[in-house]
Amino acid sequence: MKDGKKCVLVADDEAAIREILTLLLSGEGYRVIPACDGQEVLELASDDIDLYILDVNMPRMTGILAAAELRKTRETPIMFLTAYSGESDKVLGFSVGADDYMVKPFSNMELLMRVKAILRRSPGYQPPPAPVAKNRIPIGDLELDLDRQTVLRGEEAIALTFTEFKILELLATNKKKIYSLDSIYSNIWDDNAVGDSTIMAHIKNIRKKLGDNSREPMYIKTAWGRGYYVD
């Protein structure tokens, strides 16, 4: 953020929606970068961007595919805008690493509140300097570096999204405590409602990235019918 403002990239193939979002966000003091499709999102992606707001259906490249490509190199928060409200559509969005999901038509006030909530709990991904942090939590052969919000296996850093890291941090800092889906939601998402399948998709993503076996997990354990925990 060279000018001190949080930067939001807004991608939608409808010019009217891009204009509305640009007016809303710039009026709140954000710097806004518009894009008309997923391909342009990837061309404009940079470390200066603090949040990506992506329409799901866009020409050349969809928001889903653009998010999947972004997640290969970046952990910057992503919010989806879409006309689809089905839970399976939300799960698809969260499965590629989204942090939030809003259905069109959306409330301008609600969108601004969600943007503020995401940016408040996510300072933005910064490549960590030399490993000097000591605020770490062990989980088996892993360590959670809370200062740098990084999961380490020896010298290897395992990339999680901000939301994925916060879920793992919640469980790791309260070992042996079982968290139901509702309690995970209330601790991580503030007032932004998400479905049970969304949380389960995040757990699945975390396990996959950690190389965990859901049938015999080493890290995030399942208490059937009750929730998840780390021991």
C-alpha atoms as a PDB file:
ATOM      1  CA  MET A   1       0.000   0.000   0.000  1.00  0.00           C
ATOM      2  CA  LYS A   2       2.242   2.758  -1.241  1.00  0.00           C
ATOM      3  CA  ASP A   3      -0.325   5.477  -0.480  1.00  0.00           C
ATOM      4  CA  GLY A   4      -1.302   4.067   2.906  1.00  0.00           C
ATOM      5  CA  LYS A   5      -4.748   2.932   1.698  1.00  0.00           C
ATOM      6  CA  LYS A   6      -6.015  -0.624   1.653  1.00  0.00           C
ATOM      7  CA  CYS A   7      -6.258  -1.801  -1.945  1.00  0.00           C
ATOM      8  CA  VAL A   8      -9.192  -3.850  -3.272  1.00  0.00           C
ATOM      9  CA  LEU A   9      -9.304  -5.451  -6.712  1.00  0.00           C
ATOM     10  CA  VAL A  10     -12.884  -5.700  -8.008  1.00  0.00           C
ATOM     11  CA  ALA A  11     -13.616  -8.055 -10.913  1.00  0.00           C
ATOM     12  CA  ASP A  12     -16.988  -8.279 -12.649  1.00  0.00           C
ATOM     13  CA  ASP A  13     -17.920  -8.464 -16.311  1.00  0.00           C
ATOM     14  CA  GLU A  14     -20.812  -6.034 -15.724  1.00  0.00           C
ATOM     15  CA  ALA A  15     -19.537  -2.458 -15.961  1.00  0.00           C
ATOM     16  CA  ALA A  16     -22.406  -1.169 -13.802  1.00  0.00           C
ATOM     17  CA  ILE A  17     -21.450  -3.443 -10.905  1.00  0.00           C
ATOM     18  CA  ARG A  18     -17.773  -2.483 -11.227  1.00  0.00           C
ATOM     19  CA  GLU A  19     -18.779   1.183 -11.078  1.00  0.00           C
ATOM     20  CA  ILE A  20     -21.038   0.675  -8.051  1.00  0.00           C
ATOM     21  CA  LEU A  21     -18.361  -1.243  -6.166  1.00  0.00           C
ATOM     22  CA  THR A  22     -15.711   1.299  -7.073  1.00  0.00           C
ATOM     23  CA  LEU A  23     -17.878   4.168  -5.787  1.00  0.00           C
ATOM     24  CA  LEU A  24     -18.774   2.296  -2.594  1.00  0.00           C
ATOM     25  CA  LEU A  25     -15.237   1.241  -1.738  1.00  0.00           C
ATOM     26  CA  SER A  26     -13.477   4.433  -2.770  1.00  0.00           C
ATOM     27  CA  GLY A  27     -16.018   6.347  -0.702  1.00  0.00           C
ATOM     28  CA  GLU A  28     -14.846   4.357   2.319  1.00  0.00           C
ATOM     29  CA  GLY A  29     -11.230   5.263   1.635  1.00  0.00           C
ATOM     30  CA  TYR A  30     -10.094   2.147  -0.239  1.00  0.00           C
ATOM     31  CA  ARG A  31      -7.996   2.216  -3.376  1.00  0.00           C
ATOM     32  CA  VAL A  32      -9.882   0.237  -6.039  1.00  0.00           C
ATOM     33  CA  ILE A  33      -8.487  -1.618  -9.052  1.00  0.00           C
ATOM     34  CA  PRO A  34     -11.193  -2.750 -11.539  1.00  0.00           C
ATOM     35  CA  ALA A  35     -10.978  -5.854 -13.731  1.00  0.00           C
ATOM     36  CA  CYS A  36     -13.482  -7.242 -16.238  1.00  0.00           C
ATOM     37  CA  ASP A  37     -12.630 -10.962 -16.114  1.00  0.00           C
ATOM     38  CA  GLY A  38     -10.500 -13.586 -14.417  1.00  0.00           C
ATOM     39  CA  GLN A  39      -7.652 -13.276 -16.888  1.00  0.00           C
ATOM     40  CA  GLU A  40      -7.295  -9.581 -16.129  1.00  0.00           C
ATOM     41  CA  VAL A  41      -7.350 -10.394 -12.408  1.00  0.00           C
ATOM     42  CA  LEU A  42      -4.227 -12.519 -12.829  1.00  0.00           C
ATOM     43  CA  GLU A  43      -2.576  -9.852 -14.954  1.00  0.00           C
ATOM     44  CA  LEU A  44      -3.232  -7.195 -12.282  1.00  0.00           C
ATOM     45  CA  ALA A  45      -2.444  -9.363  -9.234  1.00  0.00           C
ATOM     46  CA  SER A  46       0.261  -7.903  -6.995  1.00  0.00           C
ATOM     47  CA  ASP A  47       1.492  -7.744  -3.415  1.00  0.00           C
ATOM     48  CA  ASP A  48      -0.142  -4.305  -3.086  1.00  0.00           C
ATOM     49  CA  ILE A  49      -3.641  -5.814  -3.208  1.00  0.00           C
ATOM     50  CA  ASP A  50      -5.236  -6.510   0.186  1.00  0.00           C
ATOM     51  CA  LEU A  51      -8.506  -8.093  -0.996  1.00  0.00           C
ATOM     52  CA  TYR A  52      -9.877  -9.608  -4.212  1.00  0.00           C
ATOM     53  CA  ILE A  53     -13.636  -9.331  -4.848  1.00  0.00           C
ATOM     54  CA  LEU A  54     -14.439 -11.659  -7.737  1.00  0.00           C
ATOM     55  CA  ASP A  55     -17.612 -12.346  -9.677  1.00  0.00           C
ATOM     56  CA  VAL A  56     -17.960 -16.092 -10.201  1.00  0.00           C
ATOM     57  CA  ASN A  57     -19.156 -16.090 -13.829  1.00  0.00           C
ATOM     58  CA  MET A  58     -16.892 -14.030 -16.071  1.00  0.00           C
ATOM     59  CA  PRO A  59     -15.728 -14.461 -19.684  1.00  0.00           C
ATOM     60  CA  ARG A  60     -12.259 -15.738 -20.654  1.00  0.00           C
ATOM     61  CA  MET A  61     -11.690 -17.001 -17.096  1.00  0.00           C
ATOM     62  CA  THR A  62     -14.197 -17.452 -14.279  1.00  0.00           C
ATOM     63  CA  GLY A  63     -13.701 -16.132 -10.777  1.00  0.00           C
ATOM     64  CA  ILE A  64     -13.365 -19.700  -9.514  1.00  0.00           C
ATOM     65  CA  LEU A  65     -10.470 -20.445 -11.873  1.00  0.00           C
ATOM     66  CA  ALA A  66      -8.853 -17.081 -11.154  1.00  0.00           C
ATOM     67  CA  ALA A  67      -9.062 -17.734  -7.401  1.00  0.00           C
ATOM     68  CA  ALA A  68      -7.534 -21.175  -7.832  1.00  0.00           C
ATOM     69  CA  GLU A  69      -4.632 -19.629  -9.751  1.00  0.00           C
ATOM     70  CA  LEU A  70      -4.183 -16.869  -7.161  1.00  0.00           C
ATOM     71  CA  ARG A  71      -4.044 -19.440  -4.379  1.00  0.00           C
ATOM     72  CA  LYS A  72      -1.025 -21.089  -5.989  1.00  0.00           C
ATOM     73  CA  THR A  73       1.140 -18.103  -5.053  1.00  0.00           C
ATOM     74  CA  ARG A  74      -0.903 -15.785  -2.809  1.00  0.00           C
ATOM     75  CA  GLU A  75      -2.819 -15.974   0.469  1.00  0.00           C
ATOM     76  CA  THR A  76      -4.543 -12.589   0.032  1.00  0.00           C
ATOM     77  CA  PRO A  77      -8.228 -12.725   1.123  1.00  0.00           C
ATOM     78  CA  ILE A  78     -10.782 -13.450  -1.612  1.00  0.00           C
ATOM     79  CA  MET A  79     -14.518 -12.662  -1.611  1.00  0.00           C
ATOM     80  CA  PHE A  80     -16.855 -14.069  -4.255  1.00  0.00           C
ATOM     81  CA  LEU A  81     -19.886 -12.283  -5.697  1.00  0.00           C
ATOM     82  CA  THR A  82     -22.372 -14.528  -7.475  1.00  0.00           C
ATOM     83  CA  ALA A  83     -25.977 -14.944  -8.511  1.00  0.00           C
ATOM     84  CA  TYR A  84     -25.916 -18.538  -7.228  1.00  0.00           C
ATOM     85  CA  SER A  85     -27.090 -19.051  -3.653  1.00  0.00           C
ATOM     86  CA  GLY A  86     -26.979 -22.849  -3.391  1.00  0.00           C
ATOM     87  CA  GLU A  87     -24.814 -24.347  -0.657  1.00  0.00           C
ATOM     88  CA  SER A  88     -22.973 -26.490  -3.206  1.00  0.00           C
ATOM     89  CA  ASP A  89     -21.982 -23.291  -5.040  1.00  0.00           C
ATOM     90  CA  LYS A  90     -20.676 -21.809  -1.800  1.00  0.00           C
ATOM     91  CA  VAL A  91     -18.730 -24.970  -1.005  1.00  0.00           C
ATOM     92  CA  LEU A  92     -17.121 -24.804  -4.450  1.00  0.00           C
ATOM     93  CA  GLY A  93     -16.074 -21.220  -3.786  1.00  0.00           C
ATOM     94  CA  PHE A  94     -14.640 -21.975  -0.374  1.00  0.00           C
ATOM     95  CA  SER A  95     -12.942 -25.132  -1.644  1.00  0.00           C
ATOM     96  CA  VAL A  96     -10.683 -23.033  -3.893  1.00  0.00           C
ATOM     97  CA  GLY A  97      -9.708 -20.835  -0.951  1.00  0.00           C
ATOM     98  CA  ALA A  98     -12.303 -18.050  -0.712  1.00  0.00           C
ATOM     99  CA  ASP A  99     -12.714 -16.235   2.599  1.00  0.00           C
ATOM    100  CA  ASP A 100     -16.257 -14.962   2.030  1.00  0.00           C
ATOM    101  CA  TYR A 101     -19.159 -15.296  -0.397  1.00  0.00           C
ATOM    102  CA  MET A 102     -21.968 -12.848  -1.192  1.00  0.00           C
ATOM    103  CA  VAL A 103     -25.031 -13.459  -3.338  1.00  0.00           C
ATOM    104  CA  LYS A 104     -26.345 -10.874  -5.829  1.00  0.00           C
ATOM    105  CA  PRO A 105     -28.263  -8.673  -5.392  1.00  0.00           C
ATOM    106  CA  PHE A 106     -26.374  -7.670  -2.270  1.00  0.00           C
ATOM    107  CA  SER A 107     -26.825  -4.974   0.330  1.00  0.00           C
ATOM    108  CA  ASN A 108     -24.266  -2.201  -0.092  1.00  0.00           C
ATOM    109  CA  MET A 109     -23.982  -1.807   3.669  1.00  0.00           C
ATOM    110  CA  GLU A 110     -23.523  -5.533   4.221  1.00  0.00           C
ATOM    111  CA  LEU A 111     -20.807  -5.692   1.575  1.00  0.00           C
ATOM    112  CA  LEU A 112     -18.908  -2.832   3.212  1.00  0.00           C
ATOM    113  CA  MET A 113     -19.254  -4.486   6.620  1.00  0.00           C
ATOM    114  CA  ARG A 114     -17.899  -7.763   5.267  1.00  0.00           C
ATOM    115  CA  VAL A 115     -15.000  -6.041   3.547  1.00  0.00           C
ATOM    116  CA  LYS A 116     -14.113  -4.281   6.792  1.00  0.00           C
ATOM    117  CA  ALA A 117     -14.393  -7.549   8.729  1.00  0.00           C
ATOM    118  CA  ILE A 118     -12.092  -9.387   6.329  1.00  0.00           C
ATOM    119  CA  LEU A 119      -9.493  -6.624   6.311  1.00  0.00           C
ATOM    120  CA  ARG A 120      -9.737  -6.188  10.086  1.00  0.00           C
ATOM    121  CA  ARG A 121      -8.881  -9.800  10.799  1.00  0.00           C
ATOM    122  CA  SER A 122      -6.388 -10.122   7.952  1.00  0.00           C
ATOM    123  CA  PRO A 123      -3.404  -7.782   7.843  1.00  0.00           C
ATOM    124  CA  GLY A 124      -2.582  -9.126   4.391  1.00  0.00           C
ATOM    125  CA  TYR A 125      -0.038 -11.694   3.436  1.00  0.00           C
ATOM    126  CA  GLN A 126       3.578 -10.603   3.824  1.00  0.00           C
ATOM    127  CA  PRO A 127       6.440 -12.914   2.887  1.00  0.00           C
ATOM    128  CA  PRO A 128       8.087 -13.706   6.241  1.00  0.00           C
ATOM    129  CA  PRO A 129      11.608 -12.497   6.993  1.00  0.00           C
ATOM    130  CA  ALA A 130      14.231 -14.656   8.643  1.00  0.00           C
ATOM    131  CA  PRO A 131      12.624 -17.007  11.180  1.00  0.00           C
ATOM    132  CA  VAL A 132      13.062 -15.139  14.438  1.00  0.00           C
ATOM    133  CA  ALA A 133       9.578 -15.576  15.919  1.00  0.00           C
ATOM    134  CA  LYS A 134       9.242 -17.698  19.039  1.00  0.00           C
ATOM    135  CA  ASN A 135       5.481 -17.630  19.488  1.00  0.00           C
ATOM    136  CA  ARG A 136       4.908 -21.135  18.176  1.00  0.00           C
ATOM    137  CA  ILE A 137       2.540 -24.017  18.912  1.00  0.00           C
ATOM    138  CA  PRO A 138       3.582 -27.610  18.144  1.00  0.00           C
ATOM    139  CA  ILE A 139       1.156 -30.050  16.511  1.00  0.00           C
ATOM    140  CA  GLY A 140       2.881 -33.367  15.955  1.00  0.00           C
ATOM    141  CA  ASP A 141       5.717 -32.689  13.512  1.00  0.00           C
ATOM    142  CA  LEU A 142       4.279 -29.253  12.685  1.00  0.00           C
ATOM    143  CA  GLU A 143       4.638 -25.843  14.297  1.00  0.00           C
ATOM    144  CA  LEU A 144       2.223 -22.939  14.068  1.00  0.00           C
ATOM    145  CA  ASP A 145       4.145 -19.674  13.956  1.00  0.00           C
ATOM    146  CA  LEU A 146       1.524 -17.269  15.305  1.00  0.00           C
ATOM    147  CA  ASP A 147       3.590 -14.153  14.677  1.00  0.00           C
ATOM    148  CA  ARG A 148       4.061 -14.885  10.979  1.00  0.00           C
ATOM    149  CA  GLN A 149       0.814 -16.886  10.603  1.00  0.00           C
ATOM    150  CA  THR A 150       2.698 -19.741   9.014  1.00  0.00           C
ATOM    151  CA  VAL A 151       2.609 -23.511   9.417  1.00  0.00           C
ATOM    152  CA  LEU A 152       6.058 -25.085   9.453  1.00  0.00           C
ATOM    153  CA  ARG A 153       7.183 -28.663   8.972  1.00  0.00           C
ATOM    154  CA  GLY A 154      10.864 -28.389   9.757  1.00  0.00           C
ATOM    155  CA  GLU A 155      12.129 -25.694   7.386  1.00  0.00           C
ATOM    156  CA  GLU A 156       9.185 -26.169   4.994  1.00  0.00           C
ATOM    157  CA  ALA A 157       6.419 -23.556   5.118  1.00  0.00           C
ATOM    158  CA  ILE A 158       2.916 -24.838   4.350  1.00  0.00           C
ATOM    159  CA  ALA A 159       0.711 -22.163   2.793  1.00  0.00           C
ATOM    160  CA  LEU A 160      -2.781 -21.772   4.288  1.00  0.00           C
ATOM    161  CA  THR A 161      -5.286 -19.029   3.597  1.00  0.00           C
ATOM    162  CA  PHE A 162      -5.921 -16.588   6.415  1.00  0.00           C
ATOM    163  CA  THR A 163      -9.231 -18.250   7.278  1.00  0.00           C
ATOM    164  CA  GLU A 164      -7.694 -21.739   7.198  1.00  0.00           C
ATOM    165  CA  PHE A 165      -4.885 -20.616   9.498  1.00  0.00           C
ATOM    166  CA  LYS A 166      -7.338 -19.042  11.966  1.00  0.00           C
ATOM    167  CA  ILE A 167      -9.324 -22.300  12.171  1.00  0.00           C
ATOM    168  CA  LEU A 168      -6.154 -24.307  12.804  1.00  0.00           C
ATOM    169  CA  GLU A 169      -4.937 -21.714  15.313  1.00  0.00           C
ATOM    170  CA  LEU A 170      -8.263 -21.865  17.185  1.00  0.00           C
ATOM    171  CA  LEU A 171      -8.028 -25.644  17.538  1.00  0.00           C
ATOM    172  CA  ALA A 172      -4.285 -25.689  18.299  1.00  0.00           C
ATOM    173  CA  THR A 173      -4.437 -23.050  21.020  1.00  0.00           C
ATOM    174  CA  ASN A 174      -7.241 -24.959  22.760  1.00  0.00           C
ATOM    175  CA  LYS A 175      -5.957 -28.516  22.513  1.00  0.00           C
ATOM    176  CA  LYS A 176      -8.350 -31.356  23.348  1.00  0.00           C
ATOM    177  CA  LYS A 177     -11.303 -28.957  23.317  1.00  0.00           C
ATOM    178  CA  ILE A 178     -13.939 -30.084  20.841  1.00  0.00           C
ATOM    179  CA  TYR A 179     -15.331 -27.306  18.652  1.00  0.00           C
ATOM    180  CA  SER A 180     -18.688 -27.809  17.006  1.00  0.00           C
ATOM    181  CA  LEU A 181     -19.319 -26.327  13.563  1.00  0.00           C
ATOM    182  CA  ASP A 182     -21.352 -23.568  15.213  1.00  0.00           C
ATOM    183  CA  SER A 183     -18.570 -22.695  17.662  1.00  0.00           C
ATOM    184  CA  ILE A 184     -15.967 -22.615  14.866  1.00  0.00           C
ATOM    185  CA  TYR A 185     -18.266 -20.297  12.918  1.00  0.00           C
ATOM    186  CA  SER A 186     -18.805 -17.939  15.866  1.00  0.00           C
ATOM    187  CA  ASN A 187     -15.072 -17.733  16.587  1.00  0.00           C
ATOM    188  CA  ILE A 188     -13.884 -17.206  13.019  1.00  0.00           C
ATOM    189  CA  TRP A 189     -16.589 -15.452  11.016  1.00  0.00           C
ATOM    190  CA  ASP A 190     -17.903 -12.851  13.470  1.00  0.00           C
ATOM    191  CA  ASP A 191     -21.392 -11.977  12.167  1.00  0.00           C
ATOM    192  CA  ASN A 192     -20.956 -13.357   8.641  1.00  0.00           C
ATOM    193  CA  ALA A 193     -23.176 -16.410   8.300  1.00  0.00           C
ATOM    194  CA  VAL A 194     -21.731 -19.492   6.628  1.00  0.00           C
ATOM    195  CA  GLY A 195     -23.115 -23.005   6.310  1.00  0.00           C
ATOM    196  CA  ASP A 196     -21.827 -26.175   7.944  1.00  0.00           C
ATOM    197  CA  SER A 197     -20.614 -27.430   4.577  1.00  0.00           C
ATOM    198  CA  THR A 198     -18.485 -24.315   4.218  1.00  0.00           C
ATOM    199  CA  ILE A 199     -16.634 -25.025   7.471  1.00  0.00           C
ATOM    200  CA  MET A 200     -16.230 -28.675   6.512  1.00  0.00           C
ATOM    201  CA  ALA A 201     -14.755 -27.560   3.165  1.00  0.00           C
ATOM    202  CA  HIS A 202     -12.186 -25.461   5.017  1.00  0.00           C
ATOM    203  CA  ILE A 203     -11.293 -28.414   7.282  1.00  0.00           C
ATOM    204  CA  LYS A 204     -10.910 -30.594   4.189  1.00  0.00           C
ATOM    205  CA  ASN A 205      -8.612 -27.995   2.593  1.00  0.00           C
ATOM    206  CA  ILE A 206      -6.471 -27.740   5.722  1.00  0.00           C
ATOM    207  CA  ARG A 207      -6.106 -31.511   5.971  1.00  0.00           C
ATOM    208  CA  LYS A 208      -5.178 -31.765   2.307  1.00  0.00           C
ATOM    209  CA  LYS A 209      -2.493 -29.092   2.614  1.00  0.00           C
ATOM    210  CA  LEU A 210      -1.075 -30.683   5.764  1.00  0.00           C
ATOM    211  CA  GLY A 211      -1.062 -34.118   4.121  1.00  0.00           C
ATOM    212  CA  ASP A 212      -3.521 -35.412   6.712  1.00  0.00           C
ATOM    213  CA  ASN A 213      -5.681 -38.506   6.232  1.00  0.00           C
ATOM    214  CA  SER A 214      -9.307 -37.766   7.123  1.00  0.00           C
ATOM    215  CA  ARG A 215      -9.894 -41.408   8.108  1.00  0.00           C
ATOM    216  CA  GLU A 216      -6.908 -41.506  10.477  1.00  0.00           C
ATOM    217  CA  PRO A 217      -5.992 -37.845  10.996  1.00  0.00           C
ATOM    218  CA  MET A 218      -2.778 -36.870  12.759  1.00  0.00           C
ATOM    219  CA  TYR A 219      -3.562 -33.199  13.261  1.00  0.00           C
ATOM    220  CA  ILE A 220      -7.244 -32.235  13.157  1.00  0.00           C
ATOM    221  CA  LYS A 221      -9.227 -35.026  14.794  1.00  0.00           C
ATOM    222  CA  THR A 222     -12.947 -35.631  14.362  1.00  0.00           C
ATOM    223  CA  ALA A 223     -15.262 -36.198  17.313  1.00  0.00           C
ATOM    224  CA  TRP A 224     -18.129 -37.777  15.401  1.00  0.00           C
ATOM    225  CA  GLY A 225     -21.391 -35.910  15.830  1.00  0.00           C
ATOM    226  CA  ARG A 226     -19.682 -33.280  18.004  1.00  0.00           C
ATOM    227  CA  GLY A 227     -17.005 -31.438  16.028  1.00  0.00           C
ATOM    228  CA  TYR A 228     -13.225 -31.162  15.596  1.00  0.00           C
ATOM    229  CA  TYR A 229     -10.226 -30.878  17.908  1.00  0.00           C
ATOM    230  CA  VAL A 230      -6.426 -31.032  18.118  1.00  0.00           C
ATOM    231  CA  ASP A 231      -4.824 -33.122  20.843  1.00  0.00           C
END
